[in-house]
């Protein structure tokens, strides 16, 4: 969900998901597909749309960048 509400599940929040994605790419860049597959193991109920919304959010706040096919921590 883009606009938070008091009924939103915390583990589905873009900020929480973003923090976990940043932890996954902090040491080295990752392919988007590999990152999603690893993320899907930890959070089986997360949809691809939420994952990409989280990546867009991280890119907008200048936390990640795209280097070729890799997503890297900025």
C-alpha atoms as a PDB file:
ATOM      1  CA  UNK A   1       0.000   0.000   0.000  1.00  0.00           C
ATOM      2  CA  UNK A   2       1.356   3.393  -0.969  1.00  0.00           C
ATOM      3  CA  UNK A   3      -0.677   5.488   1.463  1.00  0.00           C
ATOM      4  CA  UNK A   4      -0.297   4.105   4.981  1.00  0.00           C
ATOM      5  CA  UNK A   5      -3.270   3.595   7.236  1.00  0.00           C
ATOM      6  CA  UNK A   6      -3.703   2.468  10.806  1.00  0.00           C
ATOM      7  CA  UNK A   7      -4.961  -0.894   9.535  1.00  0.00           C
ATOM      8  CA  UNK A   8      -1.887  -1.674   7.444  1.00  0.00           C
ATOM      9  CA  UNK A   9       0.249  -4.632   8.449  1.00  0.00           C
ATOM     10  CA  UNK A  10       3.667  -3.419   9.531  1.00  0.00           C
ATOM     11  CA  UNK A  11       5.544  -6.207   7.752  1.00  0.00           C
ATOM     12  CA  UNK A  12       3.922  -5.124   4.444  1.00  0.00           C
ATOM     13  CA  UNK A  13       4.903  -1.463   4.794  1.00  0.00           C
ATOM     14  CA  UNK A  14       7.146  -0.013   2.076  1.00  0.00           C
ATOM     15  CA  UNK A  15       9.533   1.337   4.699  1.00  0.00           C
ATOM     16  CA  UNK A  16       9.955  -2.025   6.432  1.00  0.00           C
ATOM     17  CA  UNK A  17      10.290  -3.871   3.124  1.00  0.00           C
ATOM     18  CA  UNK A  18      12.763  -1.233   1.960  1.00  0.00           C
ATOM     19  CA  UNK A  19      14.931  -1.741   5.026  1.00  0.00           C
ATOM     20  CA  UNK A  20      15.071  -5.472   4.344  1.00  0.00           C
ATOM     21  CA  UNK A  21      15.932  -4.922   0.687  1.00  0.00           C
ATOM     22  CA  UNK A  22      18.717  -2.537   1.682  1.00  0.00           C
ATOM     23  CA  UNK A  23      20.115  -5.184   4.038  1.00  0.00           C
ATOM     24  CA  UNK A  24      20.092  -7.647   1.145  1.00  0.00           C
ATOM     25  CA  UNK A  25      22.115  -5.416  -1.189  1.00  0.00           C
ATOM     26  CA  UNK A  26      24.355  -3.617   1.288  1.00  0.00           C
ATOM     27  CA  UNK A  27      27.489  -5.714   0.723  1.00  0.00           C
ATOM     28  CA  UNK A  28      27.217  -6.209  -3.044  1.00  0.00           C
ATOM     29  CA  UNK A  29      24.899  -5.436  -5.932  1.00  0.00           C
ATOM     30  CA  UNK A  30      22.191  -7.930  -6.769  1.00  0.00           C
ATOM     31  CA  UNK A  31      20.090  -8.756  -9.784  1.00  0.00           C
ATOM     32  CA  UNK A  32      16.455  -7.807  -9.348  1.00  0.00           C
ATOM     33  CA  UNK A  33      15.286 -11.364 -10.014  1.00  0.00           C
ATOM     34  CA  UNK A  34      17.696 -12.861  -7.485  1.00  0.00           C
ATOM     35  CA  UNK A  35      16.753 -10.259  -4.911  1.00  0.00           C
ATOM     36  CA  UNK A  36      13.045 -10.942  -5.386  1.00  0.00           C
ATOM     37  CA  UNK A  37      13.497 -14.721  -5.190  1.00  0.00           C
ATOM     38  CA  UNK A  38      15.433 -14.400  -1.925  1.00  0.00           C
ATOM     39  CA  UNK A  39      12.880 -11.917  -0.611  1.00  0.00           C
ATOM     40  CA  UNK A  40       9.992 -14.224  -1.566  1.00  0.00           C
ATOM     41  CA  UNK A  41      11.457 -16.975   0.646  1.00  0.00           C
ATOM     42  CA  UNK A  42      11.350 -14.683   3.702  1.00  0.00           C
ATOM     43  CA  UNK A  43       7.986 -13.113   2.839  1.00  0.00           C
ATOM     44  CA  UNK A  44       5.850 -15.580   0.840  1.00  0.00           C
ATOM     45  CA  UNK A  45       2.775 -13.303   0.942  1.00  0.00           C
ATOM     46  CA  UNK A  46       4.474 -10.296  -0.700  1.00  0.00           C
ATOM     47  CA  UNK A  47       3.347  -9.615  -4.251  1.00  0.00           C
ATOM     48  CA  UNK A  48       5.642  -8.557  -7.071  1.00  0.00           C
ATOM     49  CA  UNK A  49       3.846  -5.203  -7.257  1.00  0.00           C
ATOM     50  CA  UNK A  50       4.744  -4.371  -3.656  1.00  0.00           C
ATOM     51  CA  UNK A  51       8.343  -5.397  -4.280  1.00  0.00           C
ATOM     52  CA  UNK A  52       8.650  -3.061  -7.261  1.00  0.00           C
ATOM     53  CA  UNK A  53       6.876  -0.244  -5.411  1.00  0.00           C
ATOM     54  CA  UNK A  54       9.459  -0.651  -2.670  1.00  0.00           C
ATOM     55  CA  UNK A  55      12.307  -0.491  -5.216  1.00  0.00           C
ATOM     56  CA  UNK A  56      10.810   2.678  -6.704  1.00  0.00           C
ATOM     57  CA  UNK A  57      10.473   4.171  -3.221  1.00  0.00           C
ATOM     58  CA  UNK A  58      14.129   3.377  -2.451  1.00  0.00           C
ATOM     59  CA  UNK A  59      15.210   4.879  -5.760  1.00  0.00           C
ATOM     60  CA  UNK A  60      13.161   8.039  -5.149  1.00  0.00           C
ATOM     61  CA  UNK A  61      14.751   8.607  -1.744  1.00  0.00           C
ATOM     62  CA  UNK A  62      18.153   8.056  -3.381  1.00  0.00           C
ATOM     63  CA  UNK A  63      19.003   4.930  -1.383  1.00  0.00           C
ATOM     64  CA  UNK A  64      19.680   2.624  -4.348  1.00  0.00           C
ATOM     65  CA  UNK A  65      20.976   2.956  -7.879  1.00  0.00           C
ATOM     66  CA  UNK A  66      20.992   0.801 -10.979  1.00  0.00           C
ATOM     67  CA  UNK A  67      24.388  -0.240 -12.350  1.00  0.00           C
ATOM     68  CA  UNK A  68      23.729  -2.189 -15.527  1.00  0.00           C
ATOM     69  CA  UNK A  69      21.625  -5.137 -14.425  1.00  0.00           C
ATOM     70  CA  UNK A  70      22.510  -4.746 -10.740  1.00  0.00           C
ATOM     71  CA  UNK A  71      20.734  -2.874  -7.977  1.00  0.00           C
ATOM     72  CA  UNK A  72      23.330  -1.418  -5.617  1.00  0.00           C
ATOM     73  CA  UNK A  73      23.289   0.451  -2.320  1.00  0.00           C
ATOM     74  CA  UNK A  74      24.111   4.138  -2.680  1.00  0.00           C
END
